[in-house]
Amino acid sequence: MIRELDSSDELEEALREQPAVFYKHSPRCWMSTRAMRQLEKYAGVEGAPPVYLIDVIARRELSNVLSERSGVPHASPQVIVMRGGRTQWHASHLGISARALEANTSE
C-alpha cells in the first residue's frame, strides 16, 4: 500500500509505524517515475509495511520536516526507512529498488 501524506499530523502518525517507509516523489521527474515503479513492486509484496509518499512539489514543507526529523538531506527521488524515530536506511535515485527495500525493512 502506498499512501500520500498531506499534513504534518499524518507524518507524525506514519512515524509510529515500525518500520516507517517514506518516499519523496517529484511528479515532474522521470527518475521519480522509475523509482515509483520499484516502490509499487515492493508495496505489492504480502507483508510489506505501508509506504508513505510525499510529493516534493506540492508538499515541499512536509518534505523539509521529514529531512529534519530523519537527519537525511533532501533528494528526490528518495526513500527513508525509520524505526523508533531513527533513520535505519535511506537511498536516492538509482539506489531505490524493491530488492533494497525488502532487505532494509525486514526484521
PDB file of N, CA and C in Angstrom:
ATOM      1  N   MET A   1       0.841  -1.177   0.000  1.00  0.00           N
ATOM      2  CA  MET A   1       0.000   0.000   0.000  1.00  0.00           C
ATOM      3  C   MET A   1       0.887   1.241   0.000  1.00  0.00           C
ATOM      4  N   ILE A   2       0.578   2.191  -0.873  1.00  0.00           N
ATOM      5  CA  ILE A   2       1.252   3.484  -0.907  1.00  0.00           C
ATOM      6  C   ILE A   2       0.214   4.543  -0.581  1.00  0.00           C
ATOM      7  N   ARG A   3       0.529   5.341   0.432  1.00  0.00           N
ATOM      8  CA  ARG A   3      -0.419   6.355   0.893  1.00  0.00           C
ATOM      9  C   ARG A   3       0.261   7.722   0.852  1.00  0.00           C
ATOM     10  N   GLU A   4      -0.349   8.682   0.192  1.00  0.00           N
ATOM     11  CA  GLU A   4       0.222  10.027   0.103  1.00  0.00           C
ATOM     12  C   GLU A   4      -0.049  10.804   1.383  1.00  0.00           C
ATOM     13  N   LEU A   5       0.986  11.452   1.911  1.00  0.00           N
ATOM     14  CA  LEU A   5       0.860  12.278   3.108  1.00  0.00           C
ATOM     15  C   LEU A   5       0.586  13.716   2.708  1.00  0.00           C
ATOM     16  N   ASP A   6      -0.342  14.352   3.421  1.00  0.00           N
ATOM     17  CA  ASP A   6      -0.724  15.727   3.121  1.00  0.00           C
ATOM     18  C   ASP A   6      -0.478  16.696   4.256  1.00  0.00           C
ATOM     19  N   SER A   7      -0.154  16.187   5.457  1.00  0.00           N
ATOM     20  CA  SER A   7      -0.012  17.093   6.603  1.00  0.00           C
ATOM     21  C   SER A   7       1.028  16.571   7.590  1.00  0.00           C
ATOM     22  N   SER A   8       1.482  17.454   8.462  1.00  0.00           N
ATOM     23  CA  SER A   8       2.446  17.051   9.488  1.00  0.00           C
ATOM     24  C   SER A   8       1.805  16.088  10.490  1.00  0.00           C
ATOM     25  N   ASP A   9       0.500  16.194  10.702  1.00  0.00           N
ATOM     26  CA  ASP A   9      -0.192  15.240  11.579  1.00  0.00           C
ATOM     27  C   ASP A   9      -0.131  13.834  10.993  1.00  0.00           C
ATOM     28  N   GLU A  10      -0.346  13.734   9.682  1.00  0.00           N
ATOM     29  CA  GLU A  10      -0.245  12.429   9.022  1.00  0.00           C
ATOM     30  C   GLU A  10       1.186  11.902   9.074  1.00  0.00           C
ATOM     31  N   LEU A  11       2.171  12.783   8.950  1.00  0.00           N
ATOM     32  CA  LEU A  11       3.567  12.379   9.054  1.00  0.00           C
ATOM     33  C   LEU A  11       3.856  11.819  10.447  1.00  0.00           C
ATOM     34  N   GLU A  12       3.383  12.503  11.470  1.00  0.00           N
ATOM     35  CA  GLU A  12       3.598  12.035  12.848  1.00  0.00           C
ATOM     36  C   GLU A  12       2.961  10.666  13.068  1.00  0.00           C
ATOM     37  N   GLU A  13       1.779  10.470  12.514  1.00  0.00           N
ATOM     38  CA  GLU A  13       1.104   9.171  12.618  1.00  0.00           C
ATOM     39  C   GLU A  13       1.918   8.087  11.908  1.00  0.00           C
ATOM     40  N   ALA A  14       2.425   8.406  10.724  1.00  0.00           N
ATOM     41  CA  ALA A  14       3.221   7.444   9.950  1.00  0.00           C
ATOM     42  C   ALA A  14       4.512   7.074  10.673  1.00  0.00           C
ATOM     43  N   LEU A  15       5.090   8.010  11.397  1.00  0.00           N
ATOM     44  CA  LEU A  15       6.332   7.737  12.130  1.00  0.00           C
ATOM     45  C   LEU A  15       6.150   6.675  13.218  1.00  0.00           C
ATOM     46  N   ARG A  16       4.911   6.400  13.585  1.00  0.00           N
ATOM     47  CA  ARG A  16       4.635   5.364  14.597  1.00  0.00           C
ATOM     48  C   ARG A  16       4.729   3.956  14.018  1.00  0.00           C
ATOM     49  N   GLU A  17       4.693   3.852  12.682  1.00  0.00           N
ATOM     50  CA  GLU A  17       4.835   2.544  12.034  1.00  0.00           C
ATOM     51  C   GLU A  17       6.239   2.009  12.281  1.00  0.00           C
ATOM     52  N   GLN A  18       6.360   0.709  12.355  1.00  0.00           N
ATOM     53  CA  GLN A  18       7.662   0.069  12.579  1.00  0.00           C
ATOM     54  C   GLN A  18       7.875  -1.020  11.553  1.00  0.00           C
ATOM     55  N   PRO A  19       8.574  -0.790  10.477  1.00  0.00           N
ATOM     56  CA  PRO A  19       9.271   0.450  10.145  1.00  0.00           C
ATOM     57  C   PRO A  19       8.351   1.457   9.460  1.00  0.00           C
ATOM     58  N   ALA A  20       8.791   2.713   9.447  1.00  0.00           N
ATOM     59  CA  ALA A  20       8.113   3.764   8.704  1.00  0.00           C
ATOM     60  C   ALA A  20       8.900   3.955   7.413  1.00  0.00           C
ATOM     61  N   VAL A  21       8.249   3.744   6.278  1.00  0.00           N
ATOM     62  CA  VAL A  21       8.909   3.836   4.974  1.00  0.00           C
ATOM     63  C   VAL A  21       8.349   5.061   4.245  1.00  0.00           C
ATOM     64  N   PHE A  22       9.236   6.007   3.951  1.00  0.00           N
ATOM     65  CA  PHE A  22       8.836   7.251   3.290  1.00  0.00           C
ATOM     66  C   PHE A  22       9.473   7.340   1.909  1.00  0.00           C
ATOM     67  N   TYR A  23       8.691   7.821   0.962  1.00  0.00           N
ATOM     68  CA  TYR A  23       9.178   8.002  -0.398  1.00  0.00           C
ATOM     69  C   TYR A  23       8.920   9.445  -0.822  1.00  0.00           C
ATOM     70  N   LYS A  24       9.984  10.177  -1.128  1.00  0.00           N
ATOM     71  CA  LYS A  24       9.876  11.544  -1.639  1.00  0.00           C
ATOM     72  C   LYS A  24       9.849  11.466  -3.163  1.00  0.00           C
ATOM     73  N   HIS A  25       8.760  11.982  -3.729  1.00  0.00           N
ATOM     74  CA  HIS A  25       8.484  11.821  -5.155  1.00  0.00           C
ATOM     75  C   HIS A  25       8.250  13.169  -5.829  1.00  0.00           C
ATOM     76  N   SER A  26       8.840  13.348  -7.007  1.00  0.00           N
ATOM     77  CA  SER A  26       8.547  14.514  -7.833  1.00  0.00           C
ATOM     78  C   SER A  26       7.789  14.048  -9.066  1.00  0.00           C
ATOM     79  N   PRO A  27       6.553  14.498  -9.226  1.00  0.00           N
ATOM     80  CA  PRO A  27       5.779  14.080 -10.398  1.00  0.00           C
ATOM     81  C   PRO A  27       6.331  14.630 -11.711  1.00  0.00           C
ATOM     82  N   ARG A  28       7.311  15.509 -11.643  1.00  0.00           N
ATOM     83  CA  ARG A  28       7.895  16.103 -12.854  1.00  0.00           C
ATOM     84  C   ARG A  28       9.181  15.409 -13.295  1.00  0.00           C
ATOM     85  N   CYS A  29       9.597  14.374 -12.592  1.00  0.00           N
ATOM     86  CA  CYS A  29      10.920  13.796 -12.814  1.00  0.00           C
ATOM     87  C   CYS A  29      10.825  12.349 -13.308  1.00  0.00           C
ATOM     88  N   TRP A  30      11.504  12.049 -14.413  1.00  0.00           N
ATOM     89  CA  TRP A  30      11.478  10.684 -14.948  1.00  0.00           C
ATOM     90  C   TRP A  30      12.129   9.701 -13.987  1.00  0.00           C
ATOM     91  N   MET A  31      13.138  10.139 -13.231  1.00  0.00           N
ATOM     92  CA  MET A  31      13.796   9.253 -12.273  1.00  0.00           C
ATOM     93  C   MET A  31      12.820   8.879 -11.145  1.00  0.00           C
ATOM     94  N   SER A  32      11.984   9.822 -10.753  1.00  0.00           N
ATOM     95  CA  SER A  32      10.964   9.529  -9.740  1.00  0.00           C
ATOM     96  C   SER A  32       9.943   8.522 -10.266  1.00  0.00           C
ATOM     97  N   THR A  33       9.614   8.622 -11.536  1.00  0.00           N
ATOM     98  CA  THR A  33       8.684   7.666 -12.149  1.00  0.00           C
ATOM     99  C   THR A  33       9.280   6.262 -12.108  1.00  0.00           C
ATOM    100  N   ARG A  34      10.566   6.141 -12.418  1.00  0.00           N
ATOM    101  CA  ARG A  34      11.261   4.858 -12.356  1.00  0.00           C
ATOM    102  C   ARG A  34      11.271   4.324 -10.924  1.00  0.00           C
ATOM    103  N   ALA A  35      11.592   5.194  -9.976  1.00  0.00           N
ATOM    104  CA  ALA A  35      11.622   4.778  -8.570  1.00  0.00           C
ATOM    105  C   ALA A  35      10.228   4.368  -8.090  1.00  0.00           C
ATOM    106  N   MET A  36       9.208   5.073  -8.560  1.00  0.00           N
ATOM    107  CA  MET A  36       7.833   4.743  -8.160  1.00  0.00           C
ATOM    108  C   MET A  36       7.475   3.320  -8.568  1.00  0.00           C
ATOM    109  N   ARG A  37       7.928   2.889  -9.726  1.00  0.00           N
ATOM    110  CA  ARG A  37       7.664   1.505 -10.160  1.00  0.00           C
ATOM    111  C   ARG A  37       8.278   0.513  -9.173  1.00  0.00           C
ATOM    112  N   GLN A  38       9.463   0.817  -8.667  1.00  0.00           N
ATOM    113  CA  GLN A  38      10.110  -0.045  -7.683  1.00  0.00           C
ATOM    114  C   GLN A  38       9.336  -0.043  -6.363  1.00  0.00           C
ATOM    115  N   LEU A  39       8.843   1.126  -5.967  1.00  0.00           N
ATOM    116  CA  LEU A  39       8.046   1.222  -4.742  1.00  0.00           C
ATOM    117  C   LEU A  39       6.744   0.448  -4.876  1.00  0.00           C
ATOM    118  N   GLU A  40       6.110   0.532  -6.023  1.00  0.00           N
ATOM    119  CA  GLU A  40       4.867  -0.209  -6.257  1.00  0.00           C
ATOM    120  C   GLU A  40       5.122  -1.711  -6.206  1.00  0.00           C
ATOM    121  N   LYS A  41       6.219  -2.132  -6.782  1.00  0.00           N
ATOM    122  CA  LYS A  41       6.594  -3.550  -6.737  1.00  0.00           C
ATOM    123  C   LYS A  41       6.807  -3.995  -5.288  1.00  0.00           C
ATOM    124  N   TYR A  42       7.543  -3.206  -4.533  1.00  0.00           N
ATOM    125  CA  TYR A  42       7.811  -3.506  -3.119  1.00  0.00           C
ATOM    126  C   TYR A  42       6.517  -3.514  -2.305  1.00  0.00           C
ATOM    127  N   ALA A  43       5.698  -2.477  -2.474  1.00  0.00           N
ATOM    128  CA  ALA A  43       4.470  -2.350  -1.688  1.00  0.00           C
ATOM    129  C   ALA A  43       3.466  -3.448  -2.003  1.00  0.00           C
ATOM    130  N   GLY A  44       3.579  -4.068  -3.174  1.00  0.00           N
ATOM    131  CA  GLY A  44       2.668  -5.134  -3.568  1.00  0.00           C
ATOM    132  C   GLY A  44       2.987  -6.491  -2.967  1.00  0.00           C
ATOM    133  N   VAL A  45       4.122  -6.608  -2.287  1.00  0.00           N
ATOM    134  CA  VAL A  45       4.516  -7.875  -1.669  1.00  0.00           C
ATOM    135  C   VAL A  45       3.730  -8.061  -0.371  1.00  0.00           C
ATOM    136  N   GLU A  46       3.174  -9.236  -0.182  1.00  0.00           N
ATOM    137  CA  GLU A  46       2.418  -9.511   1.035  1.00  0.00           C
ATOM    138  C   GLU A  46       3.307  -9.314   2.258  1.00  0.00           C
ATOM    139  N   GLY A  47       2.782  -8.599   3.244  1.00  0.00           N
ATOM    140  CA  GLY A  47       3.502  -8.371   4.488  1.00  0.00           C
ATOM    141  C   GLY A  47       4.399  -7.145   4.472  1.00  0.00           C
ATOM    142  N   ALA A  48       4.506  -6.468   3.317  1.00  0.00           N
ATOM    143  CA  ALA A  48       5.321  -5.251   3.252  1.00  0.00           C
ATOM    144  C   ALA A  48       4.658  -4.150   4.070  1.00  0.00           C
ATOM    145  N   PRO A  49       5.455  -3.375   4.793  1.00  0.00           N
ATOM    146  CA  PRO A  49       4.862  -2.253   5.526  1.00  0.00           C
ATOM    147  C   PRO A  49       4.345  -1.197   4.556  1.00  0.00           C
ATOM    148  N   PRO A  50       3.441  -0.345   5.018  1.00  0.00           N
ATOM    149  CA  PRO A  50       2.947   0.707   4.136  1.00  0.00           C
ATOM    150  C   PRO A  50       4.076   1.663   3.755  1.00  0.00           C
ATOM    151  N   VAL A  51       3.952   2.233   2.561  1.00  0.00           N
ATOM    152  CA  VAL A  51       4.897   3.239   2.077  1.00  0.00           C
ATOM    153  C   VAL A  51       4.149   4.567   2.080  1.00  0.00           C
ATOM    154  N   TYR A  52       4.785   5.586   2.637  1.00  0.00           N
ATOM    155  CA  TYR A  52       4.178   6.914   2.703  1.00  0.00           C
ATOM    156  C   TYR A  52       4.868   7.829   1.708  1.00  0.00           C
ATOM    157  N   LEU A  53       4.094   8.342   0.769  1.00  0.00           N
ATOM    158  CA  LEU A  53       4.601   9.173  -0.307  1.00  0.00           C
ATOM    159  C   LEU A  53       4.454  10.641   0.055  1.00  0.00           C
ATOM    160  N   ILE A  54       5.506  11.409  -0.202  1.00  0.00           N
ATOM    161  CA  ILE A  54       5.453  12.862  -0.073  1.00  0.00           C
ATOM    162  C   ILE A  54       5.772  13.456  -1.439  1.00  0.00           C
ATOM    163  N   ASP A  55       4.821  14.189  -1.990  1.00  0.00           N
ATOM    164  CA  ASP A  55       5.007  14.892  -3.254  1.00  0.00           C
ATOM    165  C   ASP A  55       5.851  16.129  -2.940  1.00  0.00           C
ATOM    166  N   VAL A  56       7.103  16.146  -3.410  1.00  0.00           N
ATOM    167  CA  VAL A  56       8.027  17.225  -3.044  1.00  0.00           C
ATOM    168  C   VAL A  56       7.694  18.552  -3.733  1.00  0.00           C
ATOM    169  N   ILE A  57       6.855  18.519  -4.748  1.00  0.00           N
ATOM    170  CA  ILE A  57       6.423  19.762  -5.394  1.00  0.00           C
ATOM    171  C   ILE A  57       5.260  20.367  -4.604  1.00  0.00           C
ATOM    172  N   ALA A  58       4.241  19.573  -4.353  1.00  0.00           N
ATOM    173  CA  ALA A  58       3.040  20.056  -3.665  1.00  0.00           C
ATOM    174  C   ALA A  58       3.229  20.192  -2.157  1.00  0.00           C
ATOM    175  N   ARG A  59       4.120  19.397  -1.573  1.00  0.00           N
ATOM    176  CA  ARG A  59       4.283  19.356  -0.115  1.00  0.00           C
ATOM    177  C   ARG A  59       5.747  19.564   0.294  1.00  0.00           C
ATOM    178  N   ARG A  60       6.378  20.583  -0.290  1.00  0.00           N
ATOM    179  CA  ARG A  60       7.797  20.829  -0.016  1.00  0.00           C
ATOM    180  C   ARG A  60       8.068  21.015   1.482  1.00  0.00           C
ATOM    181  N   GLU A  61       7.204  21.734   2.166  1.00  0.00           N
ATOM    182  CA  GLU A  61       7.385  21.972   3.605  1.00  0.00           C
ATOM    183  C   GLU A  61       7.382  20.653   4.376  1.00  0.00           C
ATOM    184  N   LEU A  62       6.499  19.751   4.018  1.00  0.00           N
ATOM    185  CA  LEU A  62       6.424  18.436   4.658  1.00  0.00           C
ATOM    186  C   LEU A  62       7.687  17.630   4.361  1.00  0.00           C
ATOM    187  N   SER A  63       8.182  17.725   3.142  1.00  0.00           N
ATOM    188  CA  SER A  63       9.431  17.074   2.772  1.00  0.00           C
ATOM    189  C   SER A  63      10.582  17.599   3.636  1.00  0.00           C
ATOM    190  N   ASN A  64      10.601  18.910   3.854  1.00  0.00           N
ATOM    191  CA  ASN A  64      11.639  19.508   4.696  1.00  0.00           C
ATOM    192  C   ASN A  64      11.545  19.035   6.143  1.00  0.00           C
ATOM    193  N   VAL A  65      10.335  18.882   6.651  1.00  0.00           N
ATOM    194  CA  VAL A  65      10.146  18.372   8.016  1.00  0.00           C
ATOM    195  C   VAL A  65      10.715  16.959   8.125  1.00  0.00           C
ATOM    196  N   LEU A  66      10.451  16.118   7.129  1.00  0.00           N
ATOM    197  CA  LEU A  66      10.984  14.757   7.156  1.00  0.00           C
ATOM    198  C   LEU A  66      12.513  14.777   7.106  1.00  0.00           C
ATOM    199  N   SER A  67      13.092  15.636   6.284  1.00  0.00           N
ATOM    200  CA  SER A  67      14.553  15.743   6.229  1.00  0.00           C
ATOM    201  C   SER A  67      15.110  16.118   7.604  1.00  0.00           C
ATOM    202  N   GLU A  68      14.458  17.045   8.245  1.00  0.00           N
ATOM    203  CA  GLU A  68      14.886  17.479   9.580  1.00  0.00           C
ATOM    204  C   GLU A  68      14.750  16.353  10.597  1.00  0.00           C
ATOM    205  N   ARG A  69      13.614  15.680  10.600  1.00  0.00           N
ATOM    206  CA  ARG A  69      13.364  14.592  11.556  1.00  0.00           C
ATOM    207  C   ARG A  69      14.296  13.407  11.342  1.00  0.00           C
ATOM    208  N   SER A  70      14.609  13.120  10.079  1.00  0.00           N
ATOM    209  CA  SER A  70      15.414  11.940   9.760  1.00  0.00           C
ATOM    210  C   SER A  70      16.914  12.225   9.779  1.00  0.00           C
ATOM    211  N   GLY A  71      17.286  13.502   9.619  1.00  0.00           N
ATOM    212  CA  GLY A  71      18.690  13.849   9.527  1.00  0.00           C
ATOM    213  C   GLY A  71      19.291  13.546   8.163  1.00  0.00           C
ATOM    214  N   VAL A  72      18.435  13.269   7.182  1.00  0.00           N
ATOM    215  CA  VAL A  72      18.890  12.933   5.831  1.00  0.00           C
ATOM    216  C   VAL A  72      18.625  14.131   4.923  1.00  0.00           C
ATOM    217  N   PRO A  73      19.686  14.706   4.322  1.00  0.00           N
ATOM    218  CA  PRO A  73      19.480  15.832   3.413  1.00  0.00           C
ATOM    219  C   PRO A  73      18.532  15.467   2.271  1.00  0.00           C
ATOM    220  N   HIS A  74      17.768  16.445   1.838  1.00  0.00           N
ATOM    221  CA  HIS A  74      16.759  16.226   0.794  1.00  0.00           C
ATOM    222  C   HIS A  74      17.372  15.761  -0.526  1.00  0.00           C
ATOM    223  N   ALA A  75      16.697  14.822  -1.134  1.00  0.00           N
ATOM    224  CA  ALA A  75      16.947  14.395  -2.506  1.00  0.00           C
ATOM    225  C   ALA A  75      15.599  13.948  -3.064  1.00  0.00           C
ATOM    226  N   SER A  76      15.517  13.845  -4.362  1.00  0.00           N
ATOM    227  CA  SER A  76      14.295  13.359  -4.989  1.00  0.00           C
ATOM    228  C   SER A  76      14.672  12.710  -6.313  1.00  0.00           C
ATOM    229  N   PRO A  77      14.249  11.465  -6.477  1.00  0.00           N
ATOM    230  CA  PRO A  77      13.502  10.622  -5.550  1.00  0.00           C
ATOM    231  C   PRO A  77      14.393  10.157  -4.396  1.00  0.00           C
ATOM    232  N   GLN A  78      13.722   9.830  -3.296  1.00  0.00           N
ATOM    233  CA  GLN A  78      14.435   9.393  -2.094  1.00  0.00           C
ATOM    234  C   GLN A  78      13.529   8.504  -1.242  1.00  0.00           C
ATOM    235  N   VAL A  79      14.137   7.486  -0.657  1.00  0.00           N
ATOM    236  CA  VAL A  79      13.440   6.619   0.292  1.00  0.00           C
ATOM    237  C   VAL A  79      14.158   6.729   1.629  1.00  0.00           C
ATOM    238  N   ILE A  80      13.379   6.854   2.693  1.00  0.00           N
ATOM    239  CA  ILE A  80      13.921   6.890   4.049  1.00  0.00           C
ATOM    240  C   ILE A  80      13.146   5.875   4.876  1.00  0.00           C
ATOM    241  N   VAL A  81      13.870   4.966   5.522  1.00  0.00           N
ATOM    242  CA  VAL A  81      13.260   3.964   6.403  1.00  0.00           C
ATOM    243  C   VAL A  81      13.644   4.323   7.829  1.00  0.00           C
ATOM    244  N   MET A  82      12.620   4.476   8.683  1.00  0.00           N
ATOM    245  CA  MET A  82      12.861   4.839  10.081  1.00  0.00           C
ATOM    246  C   MET A  82      12.229   3.806  11.006  1.00  0.00           C
ATOM    247  N   ARG A  83      12.891   3.573  12.129  1.00  0.00           N
ATOM    248  CA  ARG A  83      12.364   2.723  13.210  1.00  0.00           C
ATOM    249  C   ARG A  83      12.604   3.454  14.523  1.00  0.00           C
ATOM    250  N   GLY A  84      11.572   3.513  15.340  1.00  0.00           N
ATOM    251  CA  GLY A  84      11.719   4.158  16.639  1.00  0.00           C
ATOM    252  C   GLY A  84      12.206   5.592  16.544  1.00  0.00           C
ATOM    253  N   GLY A  85      11.804   6.295  15.483  1.00  0.00           N
ATOM    254  CA  GLY A  85      12.190   7.688  15.322  1.00  0.00           C
ATOM    255  C   GLY A  85      13.593   7.906  14.796  1.00  0.00           C
ATOM    256  N   ARG A  86      14.312   6.827  14.477  1.00  0.00           N
ATOM    257  CA  ARG A  86      15.685   6.947  13.971  1.00  0.00           C
ATOM    258  C   ARG A  86      15.773   6.406  12.549  1.00  0.00           C
ATOM    259  N   THR A  87      16.625   7.036  11.763  1.00  0.00           N
ATOM    260  CA  THR A  87      16.817   6.583  10.394  1.00  0.00           C
ATOM    261  C   THR A  87      17.600   5.281  10.389  1.00  0.00           C
ATOM    262  N   GLN A  88      17.028   4.284   9.746  1.00  0.00           N
ATOM    263  CA  GLN A  88      17.658   2.963   9.641  1.00  0.00           C
ATOM    264  C   GLN A  88      18.396   2.826   8.312  1.00  0.00           C
ATOM    265  N   TRP A  89      17.816   3.396   7.254  1.00  0.00           N
ATOM    266  CA  TRP A  89      18.393   3.265   5.917  1.00  0.00           C
ATOM    267  C   TRP A  89      17.779   4.329   5.026  1.00  0.00           C
ATOM    268  N   HIS A  90      18.545   4.765   4.032  1.00  0.00           N
ATOM    269  CA  HIS A  90      17.993   5.674   3.029  1.00  0.00           C
ATOM    270  C   HIS A  90      18.730   5.480   1.713  1.00  0.00           C
ATOM    271  N   ALA A  91      18.057   5.839   0.651  1.00  0.00           N
ATOM    272  CA  ALA A  91      18.634   5.736  -0.692  1.00  0.00           C
ATOM    273  C   ALA A  91      17.964   6.776  -1.578  1.00  0.00           C
ATOM    274  N   SER A  92      18.645   7.102  -2.652  1.00  0.00           N
ATOM    275  CA  SER A  92      18.046   8.024  -3.623  1.00  0.00           C
ATOM    276  C   SER A  92      18.381   7.560  -5.031  1.00  0.00           C
ATOM    277  N   HIS A  93      17.657   8.108  -5.964  1.00  0.00           N
ATOM    278  CA  HIS A  93      17.858   7.872  -7.391  1.00  0.00           C
ATOM    279  C   HIS A  93      17.950   6.378  -7.725  1.00  0.00           C
ATOM    280  N   LEU A  94      19.039   5.947  -8.339  1.00  0.00           N
ATOM    281  CA  LEU A  94      19.145   4.554  -8.784  1.00  0.00           C
ATOM    282  C   LEU A  94      19.364   3.572  -7.637  1.00  0.00           C
ATOM    283  N   GLY A  95      19.596   4.076  -6.440  1.00  0.00           N
ATOM    284  CA  GLY A  95      19.737   3.200  -5.268  1.00  0.00           C
ATOM    285  C   GLY A  95      18.407   2.684  -4.750  1.00  0.00           C
ATOM    286  N   ILE A  96      17.319   3.191  -5.309  1.00  0.00           N
ATOM    287  CA  ILE A  96      15.982   2.764  -4.888  1.00  0.00           C
ATOM    288  C   ILE A  96      15.558   1.555  -5.705  1.00  0.00           C
ATOM    289  N   SER A  97      15.365   0.431  -5.022  1.00  0.00           N
ATOM    290  CA  SER A  97      14.873  -0.775  -5.699  1.00  0.00           C
ATOM    291  C   SER A  97      14.016  -1.568  -4.729  1.00  0.00           C
ATOM    292  N   ALA A  98      13.133  -2.376  -5.284  1.00  0.00           N
ATOM    293  CA  ALA A  98      12.281  -3.230  -4.450  1.00  0.00           C
ATOM    294  C   ALA A  98      13.160  -4.167  -3.607  1.00  0.00           C
ATOM    295  N   ARG A  99      14.188  -4.685  -4.214  1.00  0.00           N
ATOM    296  CA  ARG A  99      15.088  -5.623  -3.511  1.00  0.00           C
ATOM    297  C   ARG A  99      15.786  -4.942  -2.335  1.00  0.00           C
ATOM    298  N   ALA A 100      16.297  -3.728  -2.537  1.00  0.00           N
ATOM    299  CA  ALA A 100      16.962  -2.994  -1.457  1.00  0.00           C
ATOM    300  C   ALA A 100      15.966  -2.657  -0.343  1.00  0.00           C
ATOM    301  N   LEU A 101      14.757  -2.293  -0.710  1.00  0.00           N
ATOM    302  CA  LEU A 101      13.733  -2.018   0.286  1.00  0.00           C
ATOM    303  C   LEU A 101      13.422  -3.261   1.109  1.00  0.00           C
ATOM    304  N   GLU A 102      13.253  -4.388   0.445  1.00  0.00           N
ATOM    305  CA  GLU A 102      12.961  -5.627   1.165  1.00  0.00           C
ATOM    306  C   GLU A 102      14.100  -5.953   2.142  1.00  0.00           C
ATOM    307  N   ALA A 103      15.333  -5.802   1.706  1.00  0.00           N
ATOM    308  CA  ALA A 103      16.480  -6.109   2.549  1.00  0.00           C
ATOM    309  C   ALA A 103      16.597  -5.176   3.744  1.00  0.00           C
ATOM    310  N   ASN A 104      16.122  -3.946   3.604  1.00  0.00           N
ATOM    311  CA  ASN A 104      16.302  -2.947   4.661  1.00  0.00           C
ATOM    312  C   ASN A 104      15.061  -2.670   5.489  1.00  0.00           C
ATOM    313  N   THR A 105      14.002  -3.436   5.269  1.00  0.00           N
ATOM    314  CA  THR A 105      12.810  -3.287   6.092  1.00  0.00           C
ATOM    315  C   THR A 105      12.434  -4.576   6.813  1.00  0.00           C
ATOM    316  N   SER A 106      13.145  -5.650   6.514  1.00  0.00           N
ATOM    317  CA  SER A 106      12.825  -6.911   7.198  1.00  0.00           C
ATOM    318  C   SER A 106      13.396  -6.871   8.614  1.00  0.00           C
ATOM    319  N   GLU A 107      12.775  -7.634   9.474  1.00  0.00           N
ATOM    320  CA  GLU A 107      13.200  -7.663  10.890  1.00  0.00           C
ATOM    321  C   GLU A 107      14.568  -8.258  11.045  1.00  0.00           C
TER     322      GLU A 107
END
